[in-house]
């Protein structure tokens, strides 16, 4: 009998999860959404259109026999969580659903001035984006409370991996070494996200939240210097934070400073990270170039 995974948002993390599930002994069927028409990703994935502004066509039929669901579409201004807004009714009626995973962010902890936060730390978002994420988490937990939907929440650090993150930005000439001393960021390799999600699927614990980060928070400039060393390149020229022009998203990124612990995914899911530090992760990525 097949497990059936539906991904609201067939983005970077969802596609890597599917690739990892294809390597499992259990047979899977995959389906999910894109924002607009595009080339089909292959016969192994059924594709539907959902842009968040309007409901997905034939949602009840498309979701009727799903056993697992991943929500990776972020909340939107004036809409909130688009899946909850448009499809809570259909999801609340699913009879075969064993596991639902919501991809959230460590941004729900806000700015902690470089201090550590853990899985039990109280959310205290300091940005509008963080508050939207927390509201989405609360909305999904209400689905658990009201309809026994098996919700699990994964608070991700900054995602990197093949073709994503500071290595790909550096190779494309887009990286800037912004200097803001003692400004820490937590990261996670996409392969480790996939193994955390699969471990949770294999041992569901509805209502649980997990910080999904590696063991070594670090300044972004330190990471870029390490990547340059791996590539045999000179370090990038420093750019003082006060002089750096930034997008609104980057301003939020640099306005929040914290180090995030990942104890629960190790203790409860038995995870041994494949890339426990950014040094191991980028060493592997540069070897594959």
Protein backbone atom coordinates (compact mmCIF):
# COMPACT_ATOMS: atom_id res chain seq x y z
CA UNK A 1 0.00 0.00 0.00
CA UNK A 2 1.30 3.43 -0.95
CA UNK A 3 1.88 6.36 1.37
CA UNK A 4 0.67 9.53 -0.33
CA UNK A 5 2.41 12.86 0.29
CA UNK A 6 0.84 16.15 -0.76
CA UNK A 7 3.06 19.25 -0.63
CA UNK A 8 1.49 22.67 -0.53
CA UNK A 9 4.46 24.34 -2.20
CA UNK A 10 6.78 22.16 -4.27
CA UNK A 11 9.75 24.35 -3.46
CA UNK A 12 13.38 23.63 -2.65
CA UNK A 13 12.85 21.77 0.63
CA UNK A 14 9.78 19.84 -0.54
CA UNK A 15 11.56 18.59 -3.66
CA UNK A 16 14.54 17.43 -1.60
CA UNK A 17 12.20 15.65 0.81
CA UNK A 18 10.60 13.83 -2.12
CA UNK A 19 14.02 12.80 -3.44
CA UNK A 20 14.89 11.34 -0.03
CA UNK A 21 11.57 9.52 0.27
CA UNK A 22 12.14 7.89 -3.11
CA UNK A 23 15.12 6.14 -1.53
CA UNK A 24 12.99 4.62 1.26
CA UNK A 25 11.77 1.03 1.19
CA UNK A 26 8.13 2.13 1.58
CA UNK A 27 6.44 3.01 -1.73
CA UNK A 28 5.23 6.59 -2.07
CA UNK A 29 3.01 8.63 -4.36
CA UNK A 30 3.66 12.37 -4.58
CA UNK A 31 1.54 15.39 -5.44
CA UNK A 32 1.67 19.08 -4.70
CA UNK A 33 1.26 22.65 -5.84
CA UNK A 34 3.07 25.31 -7.81
CA UNK A 35 2.05 28.95 -8.03
CA UNK A 36 1.58 28.83 -11.79
CA UNK A 37 1.82 26.55 -14.80
CA UNK A 38 5.30 25.23 -15.51
CA UNK A 39 7.01 22.22 -16.98
CA UNK A 40 5.89 19.09 -15.18
CA UNK A 41 8.59 17.84 -12.76
CA UNK A 42 8.11 14.28 -13.97
CA UNK A 43 5.54 11.50 -13.97
CA UNK A 44 6.27 10.67 -10.32
CA UNK A 45 4.64 13.93 -9.09
CA UNK A 46 1.08 15.07 -9.74
CA UNK A 47 1.03 18.85 -10.05
CA UNK A 48 -1.73 21.34 -9.20
CA UNK A 49 -1.95 25.12 -9.27
CA UNK A 50 -2.35 27.10 -6.04
CA UNK A 51 -1.10 30.69 -5.80
CA UNK A 52 -2.49 31.46 -2.34
CA UNK A 53 -4.88 34.14 -3.59
CA UNK A 54 -7.60 31.69 -4.65
CA UNK A 55 -8.52 28.14 -3.67
CA UNK A 56 -7.07 25.18 -5.52
CA UNK A 57 -9.50 23.64 -7.98
CA UNK A 58 -11.04 20.30 -6.96
CA UNK A 59 -9.32 20.43 -3.55
CA UNK A 60 -11.53 17.83 -1.87
CA UNK A 61 -10.84 15.28 -4.61
CA UNK A 62 -7.13 16.09 -4.82
CA UNK A 63 -6.65 15.66 -1.06
CA UNK A 64 -9.15 12.90 -0.32
CA UNK A 65 -6.78 9.97 0.26
CA UNK A 66 -3.61 11.79 1.34
CA UNK A 67 -1.68 10.13 4.20
CA UNK A 68 0.99 12.83 4.69
CA UNK A 69 0.99 16.57 4.02
CA UNK A 70 3.75 19.19 4.01
CA UNK A 71 2.95 22.91 4.25
CA UNK A 72 5.88 24.99 3.01
CA UNK A 73 4.04 28.07 1.69
CA UNK A 74 4.76 31.04 3.97
CA UNK A 75 1.98 33.22 5.34
CA UNK A 76 1.08 36.27 3.28
CA UNK A 77 0.18 39.81 4.28
CA UNK A 78 -3.61 40.33 4.46
CA UNK A 79 -4.16 36.60 3.87
CA UNK A 80 -2.32 34.84 6.66
CA UNK A 81 -1.60 31.19 6.02
CA UNK A 82 -3.08 30.67 2.54
CA UNK A 83 -3.64 26.93 3.00
CA UNK A 84 -5.59 27.48 6.20
CA UNK A 85 -7.50 30.36 4.66
CA UNK A 86 -8.65 28.43 1.60
CA UNK A 87 -8.53 24.74 2.52
CA UNK A 88 -8.97 24.27 6.26
CA UNK A 89 -12.42 22.78 5.67
CA UNK A 90 -11.16 20.08 3.30
CA UNK A 91 -8.14 19.25 5.47
CA UNK A 92 -10.25 19.02 8.63
CA UNK A 93 -12.21 16.16 7.03
CA UNK A 94 -9.29 14.00 5.92
CA UNK A 95 -9.66 10.50 7.33
CA UNK A 96 -6.36 8.93 6.24
CA UNK A 97 -4.01 11.73 7.28
CA UNK A 98 -1.25 10.36 9.54
CA UNK A 99 1.10 13.35 9.61
CA UNK A 100 1.09 17.03 8.70
CA UNK A 101 4.31 19.04 8.80
CA UNK A 102 4.39 22.85 8.84
CA UNK A 103 7.66 24.50 7.88
CA UNK A 104 8.05 27.54 10.09
CA UNK A 105 11.13 29.56 11.04
CA UNK A 106 13.32 30.38 14.02
CA UNK A 107 12.23 33.97 13.32
CA UNK A 108 9.33 33.34 15.72
CA UNK A 109 11.86 33.76 18.57
CA UNK A 110 12.68 37.30 17.49
CA UNK A 111 15.80 39.15 18.59
CA UNK A 112 17.61 37.76 21.65
CA UNK A 113 20.77 39.89 21.46
CA UNK A 114 22.90 36.84 20.70
CA UNK A 115 21.55 34.67 23.52
CA UNK A 116 20.56 31.03 23.12
CA UNK A 117 16.99 29.84 22.58
CA UNK A 118 15.79 26.23 22.73
CA UNK A 119 12.77 24.19 21.74
CA UNK A 120 10.92 25.26 24.88
CA UNK A 121 11.74 28.97 24.56
CA UNK A 122 8.70 31.20 24.37
CA UNK A 123 8.14 32.76 20.93
CA UNK A 124 8.62 36.52 20.91
CA UNK A 125 8.69 37.67 17.27
CA UNK A 126 10.05 41.16 16.68
CA UNK A 127 9.18 41.52 12.98
CA UNK A 128 5.90 41.46 11.07
CA UNK A 129 7.12 38.35 9.22
CA UNK A 130 7.83 36.62 12.51
CA UNK A 131 4.39 37.51 13.86
CA UNK A 132 2.78 36.13 10.69
CA UNK A 133 4.70 32.87 11.13
CA UNK A 134 3.64 32.56 14.76
CA UNK A 135 0.00 33.21 13.82
CA UNK A 136 0.26 30.44 11.21
CA UNK A 137 1.66 28.04 13.81
CA UNK A 138 -1.20 28.87 16.16
CA UNK A 139 -3.75 28.38 13.39
CA UNK A 140 -2.45 24.91 12.60
CA UNK A 141 -2.32 23.95 16.27
CA UNK A 142 -5.98 24.97 16.48
CA UNK A 143 -6.62 22.45 13.68
CA UNK A 144 -5.04 19.84 15.92
CA UNK A 145 -7.18 20.90 18.88
CA UNK A 146 -10.46 21.22 16.98
CA UNK A 147 -10.17 18.44 14.39
CA UNK A 148 -7.34 16.15 15.59
CA UNK A 149 -5.25 16.97 12.52
CA UNK A 150 -1.75 15.52 13.31
CA UNK A 151 0.19 18.79 13.10
CA UNK A 152 3.97 18.97 13.60
CA UNK A 153 5.91 22.26 13.43
CA UNK A 154 9.49 22.60 12.21
CA UNK A 155 11.24 25.89 12.96
CA UNK A 156 13.97 26.08 10.36
CA UNK A 157 17.18 28.04 10.41
CA UNK A 158 18.66 29.51 7.23
CA UNK A 159 18.51 26.77 4.58
CA UNK A 160 21.49 25.93 2.40
CA UNK A 161 22.42 23.10 0.09
CA UNK A 162 23.09 22.42 -3.59
CA UNK A 163 22.35 25.58 -5.61
CA UNK A 164 21.12 27.50 -2.56
CA UNK A 165 22.82 29.63 0.06
CA UNK A 166 26.11 31.49 0.40
CA UNK A 167 28.18 29.12 -1.78
CA UNK A 168 25.90 29.53 -4.77
CA UNK A 169 25.71 33.29 -4.11
CA UNK A 170 29.48 33.48 -4.02
CA UNK A 171 29.88 31.52 -7.26
CA UNK A 172 27.30 33.78 -8.92
CA UNK A 173 29.05 36.93 -7.73
CA UNK A 174 26.18 37.98 -5.47
CA UNK A 175 27.77 37.44 -2.05
CA UNK A 176 28.75 40.36 0.19
CA UNK A 177 30.76 40.00 3.39
CA UNK A 178 28.77 42.20 5.74
CA UNK A 179 30.54 42.84 9.03
CA UNK A 180 28.36 43.02 12.13
CA UNK A 181 30.36 41.55 15.02
CA UNK A 182 28.70 38.93 17.21
CA UNK A 183 25.66 38.76 14.91
CA UNK A 184 24.84 35.05 14.93
CA UNK A 185 22.76 33.05 12.48
CA UNK A 186 21.71 29.41 12.66
CA UNK A 187 21.74 27.27 9.52
CA UNK A 188 20.64 23.86 8.32
CA UNK A 189 21.55 21.76 5.28
CA UNK A 190 18.52 20.72 3.24
CA UNK A 191 19.51 17.05 3.52
CA UNK A 192 19.24 17.30 7.31
CA UNK A 193 15.82 18.94 7.03
CA UNK A 194 14.71 15.96 4.96
CA UNK A 195 15.97 13.42 7.49
CA UNK A 196 14.25 15.28 10.34
CA UNK A 197 10.93 15.34 8.48
CA UNK A 198 11.19 11.63 7.62
CA UNK A 199 12.05 10.73 11.22
CA UNK A 200 8.97 12.64 12.39
CA UNK A 201 6.81 10.87 9.79
CA UNK A 202 8.04 7.57 11.20
CA UNK A 203 7.33 8.60 14.80
CA UNK A 204 4.44 11.09 14.78
CA UNK A 205 3.92 13.23 17.88
CA UNK A 206 1.14 15.70 17.03
CA UNK A 207 1.55 19.15 18.50
CA UNK A 208 5.32 18.93 18.78
CA UNK A 209 7.65 21.71 17.64
CA UNK A 210 11.26 21.16 16.59
CA UNK A 211 14.08 23.62 16.06
CA UNK A 212 15.79 22.43 12.88
CA UNK A 213 19.29 23.93 12.91
CA UNK A 214 22.85 22.63 13.04
CA UNK A 215 25.18 22.71 16.03
CA UNK A 216 27.24 25.79 15.14
CA UNK A 217 25.61 29.22 14.89
CA UNK A 218 28.05 31.65 13.34
CA UNK A 219 28.49 35.09 11.84
CA UNK A 220 27.80 35.23 8.11
CA UNK A 221 31.21 36.77 7.42
CA UNK A 222 32.90 33.81 9.14
CA UNK A 223 31.00 31.39 6.89
CA UNK A 224 31.95 33.27 3.72
CA UNK A 225 35.61 33.33 4.76
CA UNK A 226 35.50 29.55 5.25
CA UNK A 227 33.93 29.00 1.84
CA UNK A 228 36.59 31.17 0.20
CA UNK A 229 39.28 29.10 1.94
CA UNK A 230 37.70 25.90 0.63
CA UNK A 231 37.67 27.31 -2.90
CA UNK A 232 41.21 28.63 -2.66
CA UNK A 233 39.99 32.17 -3.18
CA UNK A 234 40.98 35.33 -1.32
CA UNK A 235 38.41 36.50 1.21
CA UNK A 236 35.77 38.93 0.07
CA UNK A 237 36.31 42.58 0.96
CA UNK A 238 34.53 43.54 4.19
CA UNK A 239 31.46 45.75 4.07
CA UNK A 240 30.45 47.46 7.29
CA UNK A 241 26.85 46.78 8.26
CA UNK A 242 26.14 50.52 8.58
CA UNK A 243 27.16 51.05 4.94
CA UNK A 244 25.34 48.07 3.41
CA UNK A 245 22.26 48.57 1.25
CA UNK A 246 19.74 45.83 2.03
CA UNK A 247 16.40 44.51 0.89
CA UNK A 248 13.56 44.56 3.43
CA UNK A 249 14.05 40.82 3.99
CA UNK A 250 17.78 41.23 4.64
CA UNK A 251 17.04 44.04 7.09
CA UNK A 252 14.84 41.66 9.06
CA UNK A 253 17.55 39.00 8.83
CA UNK A 254 20.12 41.32 10.41
CA UNK A 255 17.73 42.83 12.96
CA UNK A 256 17.47 39.52 14.84
CA UNK A 257 20.44 38.01 16.65
CA UNK A 258 20.19 34.67 18.42
CA UNK A 259 21.73 31.22 18.68
CA UNK A 260 19.32 28.32 18.41
CA UNK A 261 19.58 24.92 20.10
CA UNK A 262 18.38 21.70 18.45
CA UNK A 263 18.16 19.31 21.42
CA UNK A 264 14.68 17.91 20.73
CA UNK A 265 15.35 16.57 17.25
CA UNK A 266 18.29 14.62 18.66
CA UNK A 267 16.65 13.42 21.87
CA UNK A 268 13.17 12.59 20.56
CA UNK A 269 13.75 11.79 16.88
CA UNK A 270 17.16 10.18 17.32
CA UNK A 271 18.71 12.43 14.67
CA UNK A 272 22.43 12.48 14.02
CA UNK A 273 22.96 15.40 11.70
CA UNK A 274 24.77 14.57 8.48
CA UNK A 275 26.16 18.11 8.47
CA UNK A 276 26.36 19.16 12.14
CA UNK A 277 28.34 22.31 11.31
CA UNK A 278 28.49 24.68 8.37
CA UNK A 279 32.12 23.62 7.92
CA UNK A 280 31.13 20.04 7.16
CA UNK A 281 28.22 21.15 5.00
CA UNK A 282 30.19 23.50 2.79
CA UNK A 283 33.16 21.14 2.61
CA UNK A 284 30.82 18.56 1.09
CA UNK A 285 29.24 21.07 -1.29
CA UNK A 286 32.57 22.35 -2.57
CA UNK A 287 33.80 18.77 -3.17
CA UNK A 288 30.78 18.24 -5.43
CA UNK A 289 31.57 21.23 -7.67
